[in-house]
Structure formats: C-alpha cells, structure tokens
Amino acid sequence: MTVFWRLPKAITTVFMVSIIVMGFMSPSYAAEQFVFPEQGQSTEQQQSDEASCDAWATGQSGYDPSQPVTASANNTDVSAQGSERGSGMRGAMAGAAAGAAIAELGDDDRSDAAQNGAWIGAVAARRQSRRANQQQIEQQAAAQQQAQAQAVAANEQGNDDFLRARAACLGAKGYSVK
C-alpha cells in the first residue's frame, strides 16, 4: 500500500522542482543591467552597440542567455502497479515448484501445495518487483533533481560571465553600465 503513496510523491517532487528551476532559467540579463550613453550616443547607436556587445559577450563567455542550459529528461516505463511485467508469473512458477517439492518430502498432496506455493510466490515476486521499481523511480528523481541543480548553477555562472563581458564591451564603447 505504501508504494502507491510514494510513487505520486516522487513524481510530484520532480514536477515541482522542474517548475521552480524553469523560473530561474529564464533569460533576464537585460533587466539586470542599466546602460547609459555617456558620450551622447543616439538610441539607434545604443541599440546597435548593445546588439554587437551581446554577440561579443556570448562569444567571450561561451554562454547565450537566450538559450539557457537545461537538464535532460530521463523517461522510464513502469507498469501502472509498479511491478515488472511477468514478475508474478515467474514467482508463481517458482513457488509452485517449491510447494510441490516440499509436499513430496512430506508425503502431502502435491497439487494443493503447488497451488499454495504459486500464490505465495506470485505475491512475493510482485512485491519485490514493486520495491525495486520504486527504488529505481526514487533514484531517477534524485538524479533529475541533481541535473536540474547543475543546470541552474551553470546558468547562473554563465549569466554572470556574460554580464561581465557585456559590461566590459559597453564600457569600452562609452556607456555606463550598472
């Protein structure tokens, strides 16, 4: 029963982190810098200078704020119940064989023992498969969170480098950048 409650939590966690990260990854360098023409440049000249400095800063920093780094998505196929397809059948076959073998040793009715062993084996195999799939889902969620955190850090560092390069370029062209 706890598997059904944990699965949505893992998926919900990844979804919420994705939404938060996407909010941080939007390019907002223009809102972070104020550019003032110190040498009386026209609006058209300022726009041209800013565009050329943006291109130069992208080349110097290796970062383009209009194309932020994103974390790659990892897709997995898990059945609706969270168990691997066929795990119950494999467990039932193993349980039936074990039940029949035990009944043979005890001179009991092998068909009842095999049937009981099959039920027990199927339930145990499904439970084990669900646990393994739940662990896999949790590991993938953790890996996705780590990848998203790395993408955020790369975007912050890249954006800082870009802004420094842009400010240096605009400063050399006679603008005050704050």
N, C-alpha and C. Protein backbone atom coordinates (compact mmCIF):
# COMPACT_ATOMS: atom_id res chain seq x y z
N MET A 1 0.82 -1.20 0.00
CA MET A 1 0.00 0.00 0.00
C MET A 1 0.86 1.26 0.00
N THR A 2 1.99 1.23 0.68
CA THR A 2 2.82 2.43 0.74
C THR A 2 3.45 2.76 -0.61
N VAL A 3 3.60 1.76 -1.48
CA VAL A 3 4.17 2.01 -2.80
C VAL A 3 3.29 2.98 -3.57
N PHE A 4 1.97 2.84 -3.45
CA PHE A 4 1.06 3.70 -4.19
C PHE A 4 1.13 5.14 -3.69
N TRP A 5 1.45 5.33 -2.43
CA TRP A 5 1.55 6.69 -1.90
C TRP A 5 2.89 7.32 -2.22
N ARG A 6 3.95 6.53 -2.28
CA ARG A 6 5.27 7.07 -2.55
C ARG A 6 5.46 7.43 -4.02
N LEU A 7 4.87 6.67 -4.91
CA LEU A 7 5.03 6.93 -6.34
C LEU A 7 4.57 8.33 -6.72
N PRO A 8 3.36 8.75 -6.34
CA PRO A 8 2.97 10.11 -6.69
C PRO A 8 3.87 11.16 -6.02
N LYS A 9 4.37 10.88 -4.83
CA LYS A 9 5.23 11.84 -4.15
C LYS A 9 6.52 12.04 -4.93
N ALA A 10 7.11 10.97 -5.43
CA ALA A 10 8.35 11.08 -6.21
C ALA A 10 8.10 11.86 -7.50
N ILE A 11 7.01 11.57 -8.16
CA ILE A 11 6.68 12.26 -9.41
C ILE A 11 6.36 13.72 -9.11
N THR A 12 5.61 13.98 -8.05
CA THR A 12 5.26 15.34 -7.67
C THR A 12 6.51 16.15 -7.35
N THR A 13 7.45 15.55 -6.66
CA THR A 13 8.69 16.24 -6.30
C THR A 13 9.44 16.66 -7.55
N VAL A 14 9.60 15.75 -8.51
CA VAL A 14 10.29 16.07 -9.75
C VAL A 14 9.56 17.19 -10.49
N PHE A 15 8.24 17.13 -10.53
CA PHE A 15 7.45 18.14 -11.22
C PHE A 15 7.63 19.51 -10.59
N MET A 16 7.57 19.58 -9.26
CA MET A 16 7.71 20.86 -8.57
C MET A 16 9.11 21.44 -8.76
N VAL A 17 10.13 20.61 -8.66
CA VAL A 17 11.49 21.09 -8.86
C VAL A 17 11.65 21.60 -10.29
N SER A 18 11.05 20.92 -11.26
CA SER A 18 11.13 21.36 -12.66
C SER A 18 10.52 22.75 -12.83
N ILE A 19 9.39 22.99 -12.21
CA ILE A 19 8.73 24.29 -12.33
C ILE A 19 9.59 25.38 -11.69
N ILE A 20 10.14 25.10 -10.53
CA ILE A 20 10.98 26.08 -9.84
C ILE A 20 12.22 26.39 -10.67
N VAL A 21 12.86 25.34 -11.19
CA VAL A 21 14.08 25.53 -11.98
C VAL A 21 13.79 26.33 -13.24
N MET A 22 12.69 26.05 -13.91
CA MET A 22 12.37 26.76 -15.14
C MET A 22 12.18 28.26 -14.86
N GLY A 23 11.70 28.62 -13.68
CA GLY A 23 11.56 30.01 -13.31
C GLY A 23 12.90 30.70 -13.19
N PHE A 24 13.92 29.98 -12.71
CA PHE A 24 15.25 30.56 -12.56
C PHE A 24 16.02 30.60 -13.88
N MET A 25 15.61 29.80 -14.84
CA MET A 25 16.40 29.67 -16.05
C MET A 25 15.98 30.63 -17.16
N SER A 26 15.00 31.46 -16.92
CA SER A 26 14.60 32.39 -17.99
C SER A 26 15.65 33.48 -18.15
N PRO A 27 15.97 33.83 -19.41
CA PRO A 27 16.99 34.86 -19.61
C PRO A 27 16.48 36.22 -19.16
N SER A 28 17.19 36.84 -18.25
CA SER A 28 16.75 38.13 -17.73
C SER A 28 17.91 39.09 -17.61
N TYR A 29 18.94 38.93 -18.45
CA TYR A 29 20.11 39.78 -18.33
C TYR A 29 19.79 41.25 -18.58
N ALA A 30 18.82 41.52 -19.47
CA ALA A 30 18.51 42.90 -19.79
C ALA A 30 17.94 43.63 -18.57
N ALA A 31 17.21 42.93 -17.73
CA ALA A 31 16.64 43.54 -16.54
C ALA A 31 17.71 43.73 -15.46
N GLU A 32 18.86 43.08 -15.60
CA GLU A 32 19.90 43.15 -14.60
C GLU A 32 20.90 44.27 -14.85
N GLN A 33 20.92 44.81 -16.05
CA GLN A 33 21.87 45.85 -16.37
C GLN A 33 21.16 47.10 -16.89
N PHE A 34 21.66 48.24 -16.41
CA PHE A 34 21.18 49.52 -16.92
C PHE A 34 22.32 50.15 -17.71
N VAL A 35 22.02 50.56 -18.92
CA VAL A 35 23.03 51.10 -19.81
C VAL A 35 22.71 52.57 -20.08
N PHE A 36 23.70 53.44 -19.82
CA PHE A 36 23.53 54.87 -20.03
C PHE A 36 24.59 55.36 -21.01
N PRO A 37 24.17 56.06 -22.08
CA PRO A 37 25.15 56.59 -23.04
C PRO A 37 25.87 57.82 -22.48
N GLU A 38 27.14 57.69 -22.19
CA GLU A 38 27.92 58.79 -21.60
C GLU A 38 28.45 59.77 -22.65
N GLN A 39 28.44 59.39 -23.90
CA GLN A 39 29.02 60.25 -24.95
C GLN A 39 27.95 60.74 -25.93
N GLY A 40 26.69 60.77 -25.46
CA GLY A 40 25.61 61.30 -26.29
C GLY A 40 25.21 60.41 -27.46
N GLN A 41 25.42 59.11 -27.36
CA GLN A 41 25.04 58.22 -28.45
C GLN A 41 23.51 58.24 -28.63
N SER A 42 23.08 58.09 -29.87
CA SER A 42 21.64 58.06 -30.18
C SER A 42 21.06 56.72 -29.74
N THR A 43 19.74 56.66 -29.71
CA THR A 43 19.05 55.42 -29.35
C THR A 43 19.40 54.31 -30.33
N GLU A 44 19.44 54.67 -31.62
CA GLU A 44 19.77 53.68 -32.65
C GLU A 44 21.20 53.16 -32.46
N GLN A 45 22.13 54.08 -32.16
CA GLN A 45 23.52 53.68 -31.95
C GLN A 45 23.64 52.80 -30.71
N GLN A 46 22.89 53.14 -29.66
CA GLN A 46 22.94 52.34 -28.43
C GLN A 46 22.41 50.94 -28.70
N GLN A 47 21.30 50.83 -29.44
CA GLN A 47 20.75 49.51 -29.76
C GLN A 47 21.75 48.69 -30.57
N SER A 48 22.40 49.34 -31.53
CA SER A 48 23.40 48.65 -32.35
C SER A 48 24.59 48.20 -31.50
N ASP A 49 25.06 49.09 -30.62
CA ASP A 49 26.19 48.76 -29.75
C ASP A 49 25.83 47.62 -28.78
N GLU A 50 24.62 47.67 -28.23
CA GLU A 50 24.20 46.61 -27.31
C GLU A 50 24.11 45.26 -28.04
N ALA A 51 23.60 45.26 -29.27
CA ALA A 51 23.49 44.02 -30.04
C ALA A 51 24.89 43.46 -30.33
N SER A 52 25.82 44.34 -30.73
CA SER A 52 27.17 43.84 -31.03
C SER A 52 27.87 43.38 -29.75
N CYS A 53 27.64 44.07 -28.64
CA CYS A 53 28.25 43.65 -27.37
C CYS A 53 27.63 42.34 -26.86
N ASP A 54 26.34 42.16 -27.11
CA ASP A 54 25.70 40.88 -26.73
C ASP A 54 26.36 39.73 -27.48
N ALA A 55 26.57 39.92 -28.79
CA ALA A 55 27.21 38.86 -29.59
C ALA A 55 28.65 38.63 -29.11
N TRP A 56 29.37 39.71 -28.84
CA TRP A 56 30.76 39.58 -28.38
C TRP A 56 30.80 38.89 -27.02
N ALA A 57 29.91 39.27 -26.11
CA ALA A 57 29.87 38.67 -24.77
C ALA A 57 29.52 37.18 -24.84
N THR A 58 28.65 36.83 -25.76
CA THR A 58 28.31 35.41 -25.93
C THR A 58 29.54 34.63 -26.38
N GLY A 59 30.28 35.19 -27.32
CA GLY A 59 31.50 34.53 -27.79
C GLY A 59 32.56 34.44 -26.72
N GLN A 60 32.71 35.49 -25.93
CA GLN A 60 33.74 35.51 -24.88
C GLN A 60 33.39 34.59 -23.71
N SER A 61 32.11 34.59 -23.32
CA SER A 61 31.70 33.81 -22.14
C SER A 61 31.32 32.38 -22.49
N GLY A 62 30.99 32.13 -23.76
CA GLY A 62 30.52 30.80 -24.14
C GLY A 62 29.10 30.54 -23.66
N TYR A 63 28.40 31.57 -23.28
CA TYR A 63 27.04 31.42 -22.75
C TYR A 63 26.11 32.37 -23.49
N ASP A 64 24.97 31.85 -23.91
CA ASP A 64 23.95 32.65 -24.58
C ASP A 64 22.71 32.67 -23.67
N PRO A 65 22.39 33.83 -23.08
CA PRO A 65 21.25 33.88 -22.16
C PRO A 65 19.91 33.53 -22.81
N SER A 66 19.83 33.63 -24.12
CA SER A 66 18.57 33.27 -24.78
C SER A 66 18.42 31.76 -24.95
N GLN A 67 19.49 31.02 -24.67
CA GLN A 67 19.46 29.56 -24.76
C GLN A 67 20.08 28.96 -23.50
N PRO A 68 19.37 29.02 -22.37
CA PRO A 68 19.94 28.53 -21.12
C PRO A 68 20.14 27.01 -21.14
N VAL A 69 21.04 26.55 -20.30
CA VAL A 69 21.31 25.13 -20.15
C VAL A 69 20.09 24.48 -19.49
N THR A 70 19.67 23.34 -20.02
CA THR A 70 18.54 22.62 -19.44
C THR A 70 18.98 21.23 -19.02
N ALA A 71 18.30 20.69 -18.03
CA ALA A 71 18.58 19.33 -17.58
C ALA A 71 17.88 18.36 -18.52
N SER A 72 18.55 17.27 -18.85
CA SER A 72 17.94 16.29 -19.75
C SER A 72 16.93 15.46 -18.98
N ALA A 73 15.83 15.11 -19.66
CA ALA A 73 14.78 14.30 -19.04
C ALA A 73 15.11 12.83 -19.22
N ASN A 74 14.79 12.05 -18.21
CA ASN A 74 15.02 10.62 -18.24
C ASN A 74 13.67 9.92 -18.15
N ASN A 75 13.25 9.26 -19.20
CA ASN A 75 11.95 8.59 -19.21
C ASN A 75 12.13 7.11 -18.91
N THR A 76 11.18 6.57 -18.14
CA THR A 76 11.22 5.15 -17.83
C THR A 76 9.83 4.57 -18.03
N ASP A 77 9.77 3.29 -18.30
CA ASP A 77 8.50 2.60 -18.45
C ASP A 77 8.30 1.67 -17.26
N VAL A 78 7.33 1.98 -16.44
CA VAL A 78 6.97 1.14 -15.31
C VAL A 78 5.48 0.92 -15.41
N SER A 79 5.03 -0.32 -15.13
CA SER A 79 3.61 -0.62 -15.26
C SER A 79 2.81 0.15 -14.21
N ALA A 80 1.51 0.21 -14.41
CA ALA A 80 0.65 1.00 -13.54
C ALA A 80 0.73 0.55 -12.08
N GLN A 81 0.91 -0.75 -11.85
CA GLN A 81 1.01 -1.24 -10.49
C GLN A 81 2.42 -1.08 -9.94
N GLY A 82 3.36 -0.72 -10.78
CA GLY A 82 4.72 -0.54 -10.32
C GLY A 82 5.53 -1.81 -10.33
N SER A 83 4.99 -2.90 -10.84
CA SER A 83 5.75 -4.15 -10.89
C SER A 83 6.16 -4.44 -12.33
N GLU A 84 7.24 -5.17 -12.44
CA GLU A 84 7.74 -5.54 -13.76
C GLU A 84 6.80 -6.55 -14.38
N ARG A 85 6.55 -6.41 -15.66
CA ARG A 85 5.63 -7.31 -16.36
C ARG A 85 6.19 -8.74 -16.30
N GLY A 86 5.35 -9.68 -15.88
CA GLY A 86 5.73 -11.09 -15.81
C GLY A 86 6.34 -11.51 -14.49
N SER A 87 6.54 -10.57 -13.57
CA SER A 87 7.18 -10.94 -12.30
C SER A 87 6.28 -11.88 -11.49
N GLY A 88 4.98 -11.65 -11.54
CA GLY A 88 4.06 -12.52 -10.80
C GLY A 88 4.06 -13.94 -11.34
N MET A 89 4.12 -14.09 -12.66
CA MET A 89 4.13 -15.42 -13.28
C MET A 89 5.41 -16.17 -12.92
N ARG A 90 6.54 -15.47 -13.01
CA ARG A 90 7.81 -16.12 -12.65
C ARG A 90 7.80 -16.54 -11.18
N GLY A 91 7.27 -15.69 -10.32
CA GLY A 91 7.19 -16.04 -8.90
C GLY A 91 6.24 -17.20 -8.65
N ALA A 92 5.13 -17.25 -9.41
CA ALA A 92 4.17 -18.33 -9.26
C ALA A 92 4.78 -19.66 -9.67
N MET A 93 5.54 -19.65 -10.75
CA MET A 93 6.18 -20.90 -11.20
C MET A 93 7.20 -21.38 -10.17
N ALA A 94 8.00 -20.46 -9.66
CA ALA A 94 9.00 -20.84 -8.65
C ALA A 94 8.31 -21.32 -7.38
N GLY A 95 7.23 -20.64 -6.98
CA GLY A 95 6.50 -21.03 -5.78
C GLY A 95 5.83 -22.39 -5.93
N ALA A 96 5.27 -22.66 -7.12
CA ALA A 96 4.62 -23.95 -7.36
C ALA A 96 5.64 -25.07 -7.30
N ALA A 97 6.80 -24.86 -7.88
CA ALA A 97 7.85 -25.89 -7.84
C ALA A 97 8.31 -26.13 -6.41
N ALA A 98 8.49 -25.04 -5.67
CA ALA A 98 8.93 -25.19 -4.27
C ALA A 98 7.85 -25.88 -3.45
N GLY A 99 6.58 -25.52 -3.67
CA GLY A 99 5.48 -26.15 -2.92
C GLY A 99 5.38 -27.64 -3.23
N ALA A 100 5.53 -27.99 -4.50
CA ALA A 100 5.46 -29.40 -4.89
C ALA A 100 6.63 -30.18 -4.29
N ALA A 101 7.80 -29.59 -4.27
CA ALA A 101 8.97 -30.26 -3.71
C ALA A 101 8.80 -30.47 -2.21
N ILE A 102 8.27 -29.47 -1.52
CA ILE A 102 8.06 -29.61 -0.08
C ILE A 102 7.00 -30.67 0.20
N ALA A 103 5.94 -30.68 -0.61
CA ALA A 103 4.88 -31.68 -0.42
C ALA A 103 5.41 -33.08 -0.67
N GLU A 104 6.30 -33.22 -1.63
CA GLU A 104 6.90 -34.54 -1.94
C GLU A 104 7.67 -35.06 -0.74
N LEU A 105 8.39 -34.17 -0.11
CA LEU A 105 9.17 -34.57 1.06
C LEU A 105 8.27 -34.96 2.22
N GLY A 106 7.13 -34.28 2.35
CA GLY A 106 6.24 -34.55 3.47
C GLY A 106 5.12 -35.51 3.13
N ASP A 107 5.12 -36.11 1.96
CA ASP A 107 4.08 -37.03 1.52
C ASP A 107 2.68 -36.42 1.58
N ASP A 108 2.59 -35.12 1.28
CA ASP A 108 1.30 -34.45 1.25
C ASP A 108 0.82 -34.39 -0.20
N ASP A 109 -0.38 -33.83 -0.38
CA ASP A 109 -0.95 -33.67 -1.71
C ASP A 109 -0.17 -32.57 -2.45
N ARG A 110 0.50 -32.95 -3.53
CA ARG A 110 1.36 -32.02 -4.26
C ARG A 110 0.57 -30.92 -4.96
N SER A 111 -0.63 -31.19 -5.43
CA SER A 111 -1.38 -30.18 -6.18
C SER A 111 -1.78 -29.01 -5.27
N ASP A 112 -2.23 -29.30 -4.05
CA ASP A 112 -2.59 -28.21 -3.12
C ASP A 112 -1.33 -27.43 -2.72
N ALA A 113 -0.26 -28.13 -2.46
CA ALA A 113 0.99 -27.47 -2.05
C ALA A 113 1.53 -26.62 -3.20
N ALA A 114 1.44 -27.14 -4.42
CA ALA A 114 1.92 -26.38 -5.58
C ALA A 114 1.06 -25.14 -5.79
N GLN A 115 -0.26 -25.29 -5.62
CA GLN A 115 -1.15 -24.14 -5.78
C GLN A 115 -0.86 -23.09 -4.71
N ASN A 116 -0.72 -23.51 -3.48
CA ASN A 116 -0.41 -22.55 -2.41
C ASN A 116 0.96 -21.90 -2.64
N GLY A 117 1.93 -22.69 -3.07
CA GLY A 117 3.26 -22.14 -3.36
C GLY A 117 3.22 -21.14 -4.51
N ALA A 118 2.38 -21.41 -5.51
CA ALA A 118 2.24 -20.50 -6.64
C ALA A 118 1.68 -19.16 -6.19
N TRP A 119 0.65 -19.19 -5.33
CA TRP A 119 0.07 -17.93 -4.82
C TRP A 119 1.10 -17.14 -4.02
N ILE A 120 1.77 -17.83 -3.15
CA ILE A 120 2.78 -17.16 -2.31
C ILE A 120 3.92 -16.62 -3.17
N GLY A 121 4.37 -17.41 -4.12
CA GLY A 121 5.45 -16.97 -5.00
C GLY A 121 5.07 -15.77 -5.84
N ALA A 122 3.83 -15.77 -6.36
CA ALA A 122 3.37 -14.64 -7.19
C ALA A 122 3.31 -13.36 -6.37
N VAL A 123 2.76 -13.44 -5.18
CA VAL A 123 2.65 -12.26 -4.33
C VAL A 123 4.03 -11.74 -3.94
N ALA A 124 4.91 -12.64 -3.55
CA ALA A 124 6.26 -12.23 -3.14
C ALA A 124 7.03 -11.62 -4.31
N ALA A 125 6.92 -12.20 -5.48
CA ALA A 125 7.65 -11.68 -6.66
C ALA A 125 7.12 -10.30 -7.05
N ARG A 126 5.81 -10.13 -7.03
CA ARG A 126 5.26 -8.80 -7.36
C ARG A 126 5.70 -7.75 -6.34
N ARG A 127 5.68 -8.12 -5.08
CA ARG A 127 6.10 -7.18 -4.03
C ARG A 127 7.56 -6.80 -4.23
N GLN A 128 8.40 -7.77 -4.50
CA GLN A 128 9.82 -7.50 -4.71
C GLN A 128 10.02 -6.61 -5.95
N SER A 129 9.28 -6.90 -7.01
CA SER A 129 9.40 -6.11 -8.23
C SER A 129 8.94 -4.67 -7.99
N ARG A 130 7.86 -4.50 -7.24
CA ARG A 130 7.38 -3.15 -6.95
C ARG A 130 8.41 -2.37 -6.13
N ARG A 131 9.01 -3.03 -5.15
CA ARG A 131 10.05 -2.35 -4.35
C ARG A 131 11.22 -1.93 -5.23
N ALA A 132 11.65 -2.82 -6.11
CA ALA A 132 12.78 -2.50 -6.98
C ALA A 132 12.43 -1.33 -7.91
N ASN A 133 11.21 -1.33 -8.46
CA ASN A 133 10.79 -0.24 -9.33
C ASN A 133 10.64 1.07 -8.56
N GLN A 134 10.17 1.00 -7.32
CA GLN A 134 10.05 2.21 -6.51
C GLN A 134 11.43 2.79 -6.22
N GLN A 135 12.38 1.93 -5.92
CA GLN A 135 13.75 2.41 -5.69
C GLN A 135 14.31 3.04 -6.95
N GLN A 136 14.04 2.44 -8.10
CA GLN A 136 14.51 2.99 -9.37
C GLN A 136 13.89 4.37 -9.62
N ILE A 137 12.60 4.51 -9.35
CA ILE A 137 11.92 5.79 -9.54
C ILE A 137 12.52 6.85 -8.61
N GLU A 138 12.77 6.48 -7.37
CA GLU A 138 13.36 7.43 -6.42
C GLU A 138 14.78 7.82 -6.83
N GLN A 139 15.56 6.87 -7.32
CA GLN A 139 16.91 7.18 -7.78
C GLN A 139 16.87 8.10 -9.00
N GLN A 140 15.94 7.85 -9.91
CA GLN A 140 15.81 8.70 -11.09
C GLN A 140 15.35 10.11 -10.71
N ALA A 141 14.45 10.20 -9.73
CA ALA A 141 14.01 11.52 -9.27
C ALA A 141 15.18 12.28 -8.65
N ALA A 142 16.00 11.60 -7.87
CA ALA A 142 17.17 12.24 -7.26
C ALA A 142 18.16 12.67 -8.34
N ALA A 143 18.37 11.82 -9.34
CA ALA A 143 19.29 12.17 -10.42
C ALA A 143 18.76 13.37 -11.22
N GLN A 144 17.45 13.42 -11.44
CA GLN A 144 16.85 14.54 -12.16
C GLN A 144 16.99 15.83 -11.36
N GLN A 145 16.79 15.75 -10.05
CA GLN A 145 16.96 16.93 -9.21
C GLN A 145 18.41 17.41 -9.25
N GLN A 146 19.34 16.49 -9.21
CA GLN A 146 20.76 16.86 -9.27
C GLN A 146 21.08 17.51 -10.62
N ALA A 147 20.57 16.93 -11.70
CA ALA A 147 20.82 17.51 -13.03
C ALA A 147 20.23 18.91 -13.15
N GLN A 148 19.05 19.10 -12.56
CA GLN A 148 18.43 20.42 -12.61
C GLN A 148 19.22 21.43 -11.77
N ALA A 149 19.71 20.99 -10.63
CA ALA A 149 20.53 21.88 -9.80
C ALA A 149 21.82 22.26 -10.53
N GLN A 150 22.41 21.32 -11.24
CA GLN A 150 23.62 21.61 -12.02
C GLN A 150 23.30 22.57 -13.16
N ALA A 151 22.13 22.42 -13.78
CA ALA A 151 21.74 23.32 -14.86
C ALA A 151 21.55 24.74 -14.32
N VAL A 152 20.95 24.87 -13.15
CA VAL A 152 20.75 26.19 -12.54
C VAL A 152 22.10 26.82 -12.24
N ALA A 153 23.02 26.04 -11.67
CA ALA A 153 24.35 26.56 -11.34
C ALA A 153 25.09 26.99 -12.62
N ALA A 154 24.99 26.18 -13.67
CA ALA A 154 25.65 26.52 -14.94
C ALA A 154 25.06 27.79 -15.53
N ASN A 155 23.74 27.95 -15.42
CA ASN A 155 23.10 29.16 -15.94
C ASN A 155 23.50 30.40 -15.14
N GLU A 156 23.58 30.25 -13.83
CA GLU A 156 23.99 31.40 -13.00
C GLU A 156 25.42 31.82 -13.33
N GLN A 157 26.32 30.84 -13.41
CA GLN A 157 27.72 31.14 -13.71
C GLN A 157 27.85 31.71 -15.13
N GLY A 158 27.19 31.11 -16.09
CA GLY A 158 27.24 31.58 -17.46
C GLY A 158 26.68 32.98 -17.61
N ASN A 159 25.57 33.23 -16.92
CA ASN A 159 24.95 34.56 -16.99
C ASN A 159 25.86 35.61 -16.36
N ASP A 160 26.50 35.27 -15.23
CA ASP A 160 27.45 36.20 -14.61
C ASP A 160 28.60 36.53 -15.55
N ASP A 161 29.16 35.50 -16.17
CA ASP A 161 30.26 35.71 -17.11
C ASP A 161 29.82 36.57 -18.30
N PHE A 162 28.63 36.27 -18.81
CA PHE A 162 28.09 37.03 -19.93
C PHE A 162 27.92 38.50 -19.56
N LEU A 163 27.34 38.76 -18.38
CA LEU A 163 27.09 40.14 -17.96
C LEU A 163 28.40 40.92 -17.78
N ARG A 164 29.42 40.28 -17.23
CA ARG A 164 30.72 40.94 -17.07
C ARG A 164 31.32 41.29 -18.44
N ALA A 165 31.25 40.36 -19.36
CA ALA A 165 31.79 40.60 -20.70
C ALA A 165 30.99 41.69 -21.41
N ARG A 166 29.69 41.67 -21.28
CA ARG A 166 28.83 42.68 -21.91
C ARG A 166 29.13 44.06 -21.34
N ALA A 167 29.28 44.14 -20.02
CA ALA A 167 29.58 45.42 -19.38
C ALA A 167 30.95 45.95 -19.84
N ALA A 168 31.92 45.07 -19.98
CA ALA A 168 33.25 45.49 -20.44
C ALA A 168 33.16 46.04 -21.86
N CYS A 169 32.43 45.37 -22.71
CA CYS A 169 32.28 45.81 -24.11
C CYS A 169 31.58 47.16 -24.18
N LEU A 170 30.45 47.29 -23.46
CA LEU A 170 29.71 48.55 -23.49
C LEU A 170 30.51 49.69 -22.87
N GLY A 171 31.27 49.37 -21.82
CA GLY A 171 32.11 50.39 -21.20
C GLY A 171 33.16 50.90 -22.17
N ALA A 172 33.72 50.02 -22.97
CA ALA A 172 34.74 50.41 -23.95
C ALA A 172 34.13 51.26 -25.07
N LYS A 173 32.80 51.15 -25.27
CA LYS A 173 32.14 51.92 -26.32
C LYS A 173 31.54 53.22 -25.79
N GLY A 174 31.85 53.57 -24.54
CA GLY A 174 31.41 54.84 -23.99
C GLY A 174 30.07 54.82 -23.28
N TYR A 175 29.72 53.67 -22.67
CA TYR A 175 28.46 53.58 -21.93
C TYR A 175 28.79 53.32 -20.47
N SER A 176 27.91 53.80 -19.61
CA SER A 176 27.99 53.47 -18.19
C SER A 176 27.03 52.30 -17.97
N VAL A 177 27.52 51.22 -17.38
CA VAL A 177 26.69 50.03 -17.17
C VAL A 177 26.61 49.76 -15.67
N LYS A 178 25.41 49.68 -15.16
CA LYS A 178 25.17 49.39 -13.73
C LYS A 178 24.23 48.23 -13.60
